[in-house]
C-alpha cells in the first residue's frame, strides 16, 4: 500500500521535477543535458552490460578503481555508469572518456526503469554507497538483474529515516543480492532494517584503495613550484556555500603571522565557481583561477581550482587540507584523498557521511575536527607554526590509509560471484 502511494505521488510530481530540472539548468546547463534519460529514454546498448550507479562526484571517484578493474577483467562487457548530477557525469568523462557509457539514472518511476532496462539489459547492477530507490530495485528484480550495493554505508541518522518507512524499506532491501558494507556498524544497521544477514558482508571501504595518479601528483608538484616551494599552501577542498568565506577569513587571520601563506579554494559545485571568484577578489587581487589558463607565481595569494577532475592535483600542491561540507550541515566529504597523499587534515563538526572514517583518522592522529571558526584557525596556526607536527600528522594519516586497503579485492570477488 505504501509503495503504491509512493509511486503515485512520484508520477504526480514528475511535471514539477521536469520544471525544477529546467530551472536548475538556468544556472547549471548540465541539468538540461540529456533530460530524456531521466525518463529512461535513450539508445539501446549492445550487451552484455555491467551497470554502475554512482549518484555524484564522490561516489564516482570512490568506485573508479572498481570500474578500472571491470574494464580490464570483462573486456566483452560494456560498462554503463549512471549519475544523478551533471557534476557526476562530468567526473565520469574526465576519468574514463569514451571507455564507458555515461547516462543519467532514471527517476524512480516503474515505467522509466522498465524502459531503461529494456534498452540496456544489464547483467549486473552495482549501486555505490546508499542510493536506494524502491522502484529501481523492484524493476531490477522483475528483470532478473542481480544488484550489488557496493561500499555500502548507512549512518544512524539515515537508518532512523529508513525505520520510519519500514513498510517501504524492508521489501526494498529484499531485492538486493548482496550488501558489501564498509564496516560492522553499517552491516548491523542494514540487518536491523530487514536485510537478510546471509546477504550482508563487511568488505571495508574502497575509498582506502585509492591510488593517487602519478601524473596528477607530478602536476601538483609543478603547480607548487610555480607558487613557491618554500611557501606554505593551505587547500580548502569541496567547499560549500558559507565555507569559502570562513576559510578566506581564516586565511586573512593566519597571514598576520604567516604572510606568505597561499590559500587554494576548490568549490564542490561548478555553478558556484563565478561567485567564489568574486568573493576571493574582495580579499585579494592576487587571485589566479585555474579556468583562465594563467600560471600562478610567487606573488599569487589565492588560487581558485574552478575545474573538474583535478582535485588530487590540487591536493598534491598543498601542505595542509581542509575538507569541506563539514561546516555546512551536509555531512562532509572524503578525507582519505588528502590523507593518502600525506597531508594533515582538518574538518568541521559535520562529518556524518564519513563518521567511522573520520573517527578512526582522528584516533590515528591524521585528522582534527574543529568545532568552530576559532578552533579551525587555532589548529591551522599550530600546524603552520610547527611543520614537523604537521608532517607527523600527515604521515599517520597516510599509514592509516595504507593499512586499510583491501576492500577492492573483496568487491572484485563479489562481482565475479554475481556475474557467475
Protein backbone atom coordinates (compact mmCIF):
# COMPACT_ATOMS: atom_id res chain seq x y z
CA UNK A 1 0.00 0.00 0.00
CA UNK A 2 2.76 2.46 0.96
CA UNK A 3 4.75 1.66 -2.19
CA UNK A 4 1.65 2.26 -4.34
CA UNK A 5 1.13 5.64 -2.65
CA UNK A 6 4.84 6.48 -3.07
CA UNK A 7 4.75 5.60 -6.76
CA UNK A 8 1.54 7.53 -7.38
CA UNK A 9 2.95 10.65 -5.74
CA UNK A 10 6.15 10.31 -7.79
CA UNK A 11 4.16 10.17 -11.03
CA UNK A 12 2.14 13.23 -9.95
CA UNK A 13 5.36 15.07 -9.12
CA UNK A 14 7.00 14.35 -12.48
CA UNK A 15 5.88 17.64 -14.15
CA UNK A 16 7.29 19.52 -11.15
CA UNK A 17 10.55 17.57 -11.39
CA UNK A 18 10.85 18.48 -15.06
CA UNK A 19 10.18 22.14 -14.26
CA UNK A 20 12.75 22.04 -11.46
CA UNK A 21 15.27 20.46 -13.85
CA UNK A 22 14.67 23.29 -16.29
CA UNK A 23 15.05 25.89 -13.51
CA UNK A 24 18.34 24.44 -12.29
CA UNK A 25 19.52 24.37 -15.88
CA UNK A 26 19.37 28.17 -15.98
CA UNK A 27 22.40 28.30 -13.69
CA UNK A 28 23.92 24.87 -14.42
CA UNK A 29 23.13 23.90 -18.05
CA UNK A 30 24.23 20.33 -17.40
CA UNK A 31 20.89 19.67 -15.71
CA UNK A 32 19.10 20.17 -19.04
CA UNK A 33 21.52 17.93 -20.91
CA UNK A 34 20.05 14.58 -21.96
CA UNK A 35 16.97 15.20 -19.83
CA UNK A 36 15.07 12.37 -21.57
CA UNK A 37 17.37 9.91 -19.86
CA UNK A 38 15.65 10.86 -16.59
CA UNK A 39 12.60 9.10 -18.05
CA UNK A 40 14.57 6.00 -19.06
CA UNK A 41 14.85 7.01 -22.72
CA UNK A 42 17.98 6.68 -24.81
CA UNK A 43 19.67 4.49 -27.39
CA UNK A 44 19.89 0.75 -26.84
CA UNK A 45 23.25 -0.65 -25.73
CA UNK A 46 24.77 -3.80 -27.21
CA UNK A 47 25.30 -6.36 -24.47
CA UNK A 48 26.50 -7.66 -22.23
CA UNK A 49 26.37 -4.64 -19.92
CA UNK A 50 27.55 -4.02 -16.35
CA UNK A 51 25.63 -1.09 -14.87
CA UNK A 52 27.31 1.02 -12.17
CA UNK A 53 25.21 3.71 -10.47
CA UNK A 54 27.17 6.48 -8.72
CA UNK A 55 24.99 9.40 -7.69
CA UNK A 56 27.56 12.21 -7.95
CA UNK A 57 31.26 13.15 -7.84
CA UNK A 58 32.25 11.49 -4.56
CA UNK A 59 30.70 8.14 -5.43
CA UNK A 60 32.20 8.26 -8.93
CA UNK A 61 35.71 8.87 -7.58
CA UNK A 62 35.22 6.14 -4.96
CA UNK A 63 34.15 3.50 -7.47
CA UNK A 64 36.78 4.42 -10.09
CA UNK A 65 39.23 1.65 -9.03
CA UNK A 66 36.47 -0.95 -9.36
CA UNK A 67 35.47 0.40 -12.79
CA UNK A 68 39.10 0.15 -13.94
CA UNK A 69 39.09 -3.47 -12.79
CA UNK A 70 35.84 -4.15 -14.67
CA UNK A 71 37.26 -2.64 -17.87
CA UNK A 72 40.36 -4.84 -17.63
CA UNK A 73 38.66 -8.06 -16.47
CA UNK A 74 35.47 -8.03 -18.57
CA UNK A 75 36.52 -6.63 -21.96
CA UNK A 76 33.43 -8.14 -23.65
CA UNK A 77 31.11 -6.16 -21.37
CA UNK A 78 30.11 -2.56 -21.92
CA UNK A 79 30.43 -0.58 -18.67
CA UNK A 80 27.50 1.79 -18.16
CA UNK A 81 27.80 4.43 -15.42
CA UNK A 82 24.73 6.40 -14.39
CA UNK A 83 24.68 9.56 -12.27
CA UNK A 84 22.04 11.88 -10.86
CA UNK A 85 24.06 15.12 -11.18
CA UNK A 86 25.87 16.76 -14.12
CA UNK A 87 29.00 17.12 -11.97
CA UNK A 88 29.00 13.35 -11.52
CA UNK A 89 28.58 12.91 -15.28
CA UNK A 90 31.48 15.31 -15.93
CA UNK A 91 33.62 13.35 -13.48
CA UNK A 92 32.89 10.10 -15.36
CA UNK A 93 34.00 11.70 -18.63
CA UNK A 94 37.13 13.15 -17.02
CA UNK A 95 38.12 9.75 -15.59
CA UNK A 96 37.15 7.39 -18.39
CA UNK A 97 36.35 9.32 -21.57
CA UNK A 98 34.66 7.07 -24.11
CA UNK A 99 35.84 3.84 -22.47
CA UNK A 100 32.49 3.71 -20.64
CA UNK A 101 28.93 4.73 -21.46
CA UNK A 102 27.61 7.55 -19.25
CA UNK A 103 23.92 8.31 -18.74
CA UNK A 104 21.67 9.93 -16.17
CA UNK A 105 19.78 7.49 -13.99
CA UNK A 106 16.00 7.45 -14.48
CA UNK A 107 13.80 8.90 -11.80
CA UNK A 108 12.19 6.27 -9.58
CA UNK A 109 9.21 5.56 -11.83
CA UNK A 110 8.37 1.96 -12.80
CA UNK A 111 7.79 2.84 -16.46
CA UNK A 112 11.06 4.80 -16.64
CA UNK A 113 13.08 1.94 -15.18
CA UNK A 114 11.37 -0.63 -17.43
CA UNK A 115 12.27 1.47 -20.47
CA UNK A 116 15.85 1.88 -19.22
CA UNK A 117 16.29 -1.85 -18.53
CA UNK A 118 14.85 -2.80 -21.95
CA UNK A 119 17.42 -0.55 -23.62
CA UNK A 120 20.44 -1.62 -21.55
CA UNK A 121 19.72 -5.22 -20.42
CA UNK A 122 22.40 -5.22 -17.67
CA UNK A 123 23.90 -8.48 -16.45
CA UNK A 124 24.62 -6.84 -13.09
CA UNK A 125 23.76 -3.59 -11.33
CA UNK A 126 26.31 -2.13 -8.88
CA UNK A 127 24.98 0.68 -6.70
CA UNK A 128 27.59 2.75 -4.89
CA UNK A 129 27.07 3.50 -1.18
CA UNK A 130 23.38 4.10 -0.29
CA UNK A 131 21.47 5.21 -3.37
CA UNK A 132 18.41 3.01 -2.77
CA UNK A 133 15.15 3.53 -4.66
CA UNK A 134 12.16 1.15 -4.24
CA UNK A 135 11.02 1.04 -7.87
CA UNK A 136 14.55 0.84 -9.24
CA UNK A 137 15.24 -2.26 -7.16
CA UNK A 138 11.81 -3.78 -7.82
CA UNK A 139 12.23 -3.43 -11.59
CA UNK A 140 15.72 -4.94 -11.43
CA UNK A 141 14.24 -7.92 -9.59
CA UNK A 142 11.43 -8.16 -12.15
CA UNK A 143 14.00 -8.21 -14.97
CA UNK A 144 16.22 -10.74 -13.18
CA UNK A 145 19.13 -8.31 -12.71
CA UNK A 146 21.24 -9.05 -9.59
CA UNK A 147 22.04 -5.93 -7.55
CA UNK A 148 25.20 -5.37 -5.51
CA UNK A 149 25.23 -2.48 -3.03
CA UNK A 150 28.96 -1.73 -3.03
CA UNK A 151 30.89 0.29 -0.47
CA UNK A 152 27.61 0.43 1.45
CA UNK A 153 27.31 2.86 4.31
CA UNK A 154 24.35 3.72 6.49
CA UNK A 155 24.67 6.34 9.20
CA UNK A 156 22.50 6.13 12.30
CA UNK A 157 20.77 9.29 11.12
CA UNK A 158 19.87 7.68 7.75
CA UNK A 159 18.86 4.43 9.46
CA UNK A 160 16.33 6.32 11.59
CA UNK A 161 14.76 7.73 8.43
CA UNK A 162 14.51 4.29 6.84
CA UNK A 163 12.99 2.85 10.04
CA UNK A 164 10.19 5.40 9.87
CA UNK A 165 9.31 3.96 6.44
CA UNK A 166 9.78 0.31 7.38
CA UNK A 167 6.86 -0.84 5.22
CA UNK A 168 8.73 0.56 2.20
CA UNK A 169 12.28 -0.20 3.32
CA UNK A 170 12.01 -3.87 4.25
CA UNK A 171 10.58 -5.11 0.90
CA UNK A 172 13.07 -2.90 -0.96
CA UNK A 173 16.05 -4.49 0.79
CA UNK A 174 14.85 -7.97 -0.17
CA UNK A 175 15.63 -7.12 -3.80
CA UNK A 176 19.35 -6.62 -3.07
CA UNK A 177 21.53 -9.61 -3.96
CA UNK A 178 24.39 -8.53 -1.70
CA UNK A 179 25.26 -5.63 0.60
CA UNK A 180 29.04 -5.08 0.77
CA UNK A 181 29.24 -2.88 3.88
CA UNK A 182 32.10 -0.56 4.79
CA UNK A 183 32.19 -1.67 8.43
CA UNK A 184 30.42 -3.79 11.04
CA UNK A 185 28.23 -0.93 12.28
CA UNK A 186 26.92 -0.29 8.75
CA UNK A 187 26.26 -4.02 8.27
CA UNK A 188 24.33 -4.25 11.55
CA UNK A 189 22.14 -1.30 10.60
CA UNK A 190 21.20 -2.89 7.26
CA UNK A 191 20.35 -6.17 9.02
CA UNK A 192 18.26 -4.33 11.62
CA UNK A 193 16.26 -2.75 8.79
CA UNK A 194 15.42 -6.18 7.37
CA UNK A 195 18.30 -7.16 5.08
CA UNK A 196 18.87 -10.96 5.34
CA UNK A 197 22.16 -11.48 7.25
CA UNK A 198 23.32 -14.13 4.75
CA UNK A 199 23.40 -11.42 2.07
CA UNK A 200 25.47 -8.91 4.06
CA UNK A 201 29.28 -8.88 4.05
CA UNK A 202 31.77 -6.47 5.59
CA UNK A 203 34.26 -5.71 2.81
CA UNK A 204 35.66 -2.38 4.03
CA UNK A 205 35.69 0.93 2.17
CA UNK A 206 37.08 1.06 -1.36
CA UNK A 207 37.98 4.67 -0.67
CA UNK A 208 41.07 3.26 1.07
CA UNK A 209 42.13 1.63 -2.21
CA UNK A 210 42.57 5.00 -3.86
CA UNK A 211 45.98 5.13 -5.53
CA UNK A 212 46.95 8.75 -6.31
CA UNK A 213 47.64 9.09 -10.02
CA UNK A 214 51.35 9.68 -10.61
CA UNK A 215 50.71 12.23 -13.35
CA UNK A 216 48.33 14.20 -11.10
CA UNK A 217 50.92 14.23 -8.32
CA UNK A 218 53.60 15.47 -10.72
CA UNK A 219 51.28 18.21 -11.99
CA UNK A 220 50.56 19.20 -8.38
CA UNK A 221 54.25 19.40 -7.57
CA UNK A 222 54.81 21.57 -10.65
CA UNK A 223 51.99 23.86 -9.50
CA UNK A 224 53.61 24.08 -6.10
CA UNK A 225 56.93 25.15 -7.63
CA UNK A 226 55.14 27.93 -9.51
CA UNK A 227 53.63 29.20 -6.25
CA UNK A 228 57.00 28.91 -4.49
CA UNK A 229 58.23 25.66 -2.96
CA UNK A 230 59.10 27.36 0.33
CA UNK A 231 55.68 29.00 0.79
CA UNK A 232 53.06 27.19 2.93
CA UNK A 233 49.95 26.18 0.98
CA UNK A 234 46.54 25.51 2.55
CA UNK A 235 43.86 23.85 0.42
CA UNK A 236 40.15 24.16 1.19
CA UNK A 237 38.60 21.36 -0.87
CA UNK A 238 35.00 20.54 -1.81
CA UNK A 239 33.69 23.67 -0.10
CA UNK A 240 30.02 24.57 0.15
CA UNK A 241 28.36 27.96 0.43
CA UNK A 242 29.49 29.77 3.58
CA UNK A 243 32.67 27.71 3.95
CA UNK A 244 34.59 29.70 1.34
CA UNK A 245 34.18 32.94 3.29
CA UNK A 246 35.05 31.16 6.55
CA UNK A 247 38.32 29.91 5.02
CA UNK A 248 39.10 33.30 3.48
CA UNK A 249 38.64 34.94 6.88
CA UNK A 250 40.80 32.26 8.50
CA UNK A 251 43.47 32.83 5.82
CA UNK A 252 43.37 36.55 6.49
CA UNK A 253 43.90 35.98 10.22
CA UNK A 254 46.70 33.46 9.68
CA UNK A 255 48.59 35.85 7.38
CA UNK A 256 49.25 38.12 10.36
CA UNK A 257 51.94 35.57 11.30
CA UNK A 258 52.40 33.62 8.05
CA UNK A 259 52.46 36.42 5.49
CA UNK A 260 53.37 34.19 2.55
CA UNK A 261 50.53 31.68 3.11
CA UNK A 262 48.71 30.64 -0.09
CA UNK A 263 45.07 29.56 0.03
CA UNK A 264 43.75 27.21 -2.65
CA UNK A 265 39.94 27.13 -2.81
CA UNK A 266 38.20 24.28 -4.65
CA UNK A 267 34.39 24.65 -4.52
CA UNK A 268 32.35 21.45 -4.68
CA UNK A 269 29.84 22.62 -7.30
CA UNK A 270 30.80 24.28 -10.61
CA UNK A 271 27.76 26.54 -10.62
CA UNK A 272 29.40 28.37 -7.67
CA UNK A 273 32.76 28.97 -9.38
CA UNK A 274 31.99 32.52 -10.56
CA UNK A 275 30.51 33.56 -7.19
CA UNK A 276 33.53 32.22 -5.30
CA UNK A 277 35.91 34.03 -7.68
CA UNK A 278 34.08 37.29 -6.98
CA UNK A 279 34.26 36.58 -3.23
CA UNK A 280 38.02 35.93 -3.46
CA UNK A 281 38.60 39.28 -5.15
CA UNK A 282 37.14 41.00 -2.10
CA UNK A 283 40.07 39.60 -0.11
CA UNK A 284 42.90 39.90 -2.65
CA UNK A 285 43.51 40.97 -6.24
CA UNK A 286 46.35 38.46 -6.40
CA UNK A 287 43.97 35.71 -7.46
CA UNK A 288 44.63 33.11 -10.14
CA UNK A 289 41.77 30.99 -11.50
CA UNK A 290 42.58 27.60 -12.95
CA UNK A 291 39.96 28.08 -15.68
CA UNK A 292 41.75 31.14 -17.08
CA UNK A 293 44.86 29.17 -18.00
CA UNK A 294 47.02 31.76 -16.24
CA UNK A 295 50.07 30.33 -14.47
CA UNK A 296 50.42 31.30 -10.79
CA UNK A 297 53.66 32.75 -9.47
CA UNK A 298 55.27 33.71 -6.18
CA UNK A 299 53.03 36.78 -5.96
CA UNK A 300 49.83 34.69 -6.09
CA UNK A 301 47.94 34.77 -2.79
CA UNK A 302 44.70 32.96 -3.72
CA UNK A 303 44.30 30.12 -6.21
CA UNK A 304 40.81 29.02 -7.32
CA UNK A 305 40.51 25.42 -8.52
CA UNK A 306 37.50 26.09 -10.74
CA UNK A 307 37.80 22.89 -12.78
CA UNK A 308 36.54 19.32 -12.62
CA UNK A 309 38.55 16.14 -12.12
CA UNK A 310 41.74 17.81 -10.83
CA UNK A 311 41.28 17.68 -7.07
CA UNK A 312 44.14 15.22 -6.49
CA UNK A 313 46.46 17.53 -8.40
CA UNK A 314 45.48 20.41 -6.13
CA UNK A 315 45.95 18.27 -3.02
CA UNK A 316 49.44 17.35 -4.25
CA UNK A 317 50.35 21.05 -4.31
CA UNK A 318 49.36 21.66 -0.67
CA UNK A 319 50.77 21.20 2.85
CA UNK A 320 47.52 21.15 4.85
CA UNK A 321 43.98 20.22 3.81
CA UNK A 322 40.60 21.42 4.99
CA UNK A 323 37.84 19.13 3.67
CA UNK A 324 34.54 20.89 3.09
CA UNK A 325 30.92 20.03 3.58
CA UNK A 326 31.82 19.77 7.27
CA UNK A 327 30.69 23.26 8.31
CA UNK A 328 27.61 23.27 6.07
CA UNK A 329 25.45 20.55 7.61
CA UNK A 330 25.89 18.29 4.58
CA UNK A 331 27.96 15.64 6.36
CA UNK A 332 31.44 16.31 4.99
CA UNK A 333 33.39 14.87 2.08
CA UNK A 334 36.12 12.26 1.74
CA UNK A 335 39.18 12.94 3.96
CA UNK A 336 41.05 9.88 2.67
CA UNK A 337 42.09 11.61 -0.57
CA UNK A 338 44.37 14.16 1.13
CA UNK A 339 45.36 11.64 3.83
CA UNK A 340 46.61 9.24 1.13
CA UNK A 341 48.98 11.98 -0.03
CA UNK A 342 50.32 12.50 3.49
CA UNK A 343 48.51 15.78 4.24
CA UNK A 344 47.27 16.57 7.75
CA UNK A 345 43.51 17.08 7.54
CA UNK A 346 41.13 19.35 9.44
CA UNK A 347 37.32 19.23 9.16
CA UNK A 348 34.36 20.88 10.80
CA UNK A 349 31.88 19.18 13.14
CA UNK A 350 29.57 17.78 10.41
CA UNK A 351 31.22 14.51 9.35
CA UNK A 352 28.32 12.03 9.46
CA UNK A 353 28.82 10.96 5.82
CA UNK A 354 32.23 9.60 6.84
CA UNK A 355 31.70 9.13 10.56
CA UNK A 356 33.61 5.87 11.02
CA UNK A 357 36.47 7.02 8.79
CA UNK A 358 36.84 10.43 10.42
CA UNK A 359 36.67 8.91 13.92
CA UNK A 360 39.39 6.41 13.02
CA UNK A 361 41.57 9.08 11.38
CA UNK A 362 41.23 11.24 14.49
CA UNK A 363 42.26 8.30 16.66
CA UNK A 364 45.30 7.70 14.44
CA UNK A 365 46.29 11.37 14.61
CA UNK A 366 45.81 12.17 10.93
CA UNK A 367 42.72 14.37 11.28
CA UNK A 368 41.49 17.05 13.67
CA UNK A 369 37.86 18.09 13.99
CA UNK A 370 37.37 21.82 14.60
CA UNK A 371 34.08 22.78 16.24
CA UNK A 372 34.03 26.40 15.06
CA UNK A 373 35.98 29.03 13.11
CA UNK A 374 38.24 29.91 16.07
CA UNK A 375 39.18 26.26 16.59
CA UNK A 376 39.87 25.95 12.86
CA UNK A 377 42.27 28.91 12.94
CA UNK A 378 43.96 27.59 16.09
CA UNK A 379 44.62 24.18 14.53
CA UNK A 380 45.87 25.62 11.25
CA UNK A 381 48.11 28.01 13.17
CA UNK A 382 49.59 25.12 15.19
CA UNK A 383 50.43 23.13 12.05
CA UNK A 384 51.83 26.16 10.21
CA UNK A 385 53.95 27.09 13.21
CA UNK A 386 55.22 23.55 13.83
CA UNK A 387 55.89 21.98 10.46
CA UNK A 388 57.24 18.77 11.98
CA UNK A 389 53.99 18.31 13.92
CA UNK A 390 52.05 18.72 10.65
CA UNK A 391 54.31 16.22 8.86
CA UNK A 392 53.80 13.67 11.63
CA UNK A 393 50.01 14.04 11.41
CA UNK A 394 50.18 13.61 7.63
CA UNK A 395 52.37 10.52 7.93
CA UNK A 396 49.98 8.96 10.45
CA UNK A 397 47.06 9.57 8.11
CA UNK A 398 48.90 8.04 5.15
CA UNK A 399 49.84 4.97 7.21
CA UNK A 400 46.18 4.56 8.26
CA UNK A 401 45.04 4.62 4.61
CA UNK A 402 47.70 2.07 3.58
CA UNK A 403 46.83 -0.29 6.45
CA UNK A 404 43.15 -0.43 5.48
CA UNK A 405 43.43 -1.22 1.78
CA UNK A 406 41.92 -4.46 0.50
CA UNK A 407 38.20 -3.71 0.03
CA UNK A 408 38.66 -3.51 -3.73
CA UNK A 409 39.81 -7.12 -3.97
CA UNK A 410 36.85 -8.31 -1.88
CA UNK A 411 34.44 -6.37 -4.11
CA UNK A 412 36.03 -7.87 -7.21
CA UNK A 413 35.33 -11.32 -5.79
CA UNK A 414 31.69 -10.39 -5.10
CA UNK A 415 31.25 -9.12 -8.67
CA UNK A 416 32.69 -12.37 -10.07
CA UNK A 417 30.24 -14.43 -7.97
CA UNK A 418 27.21 -12.42 -9.04
CA UNK A 419 28.17 -12.47 -12.72
CA UNK A 420 28.58 -16.24 -12.44
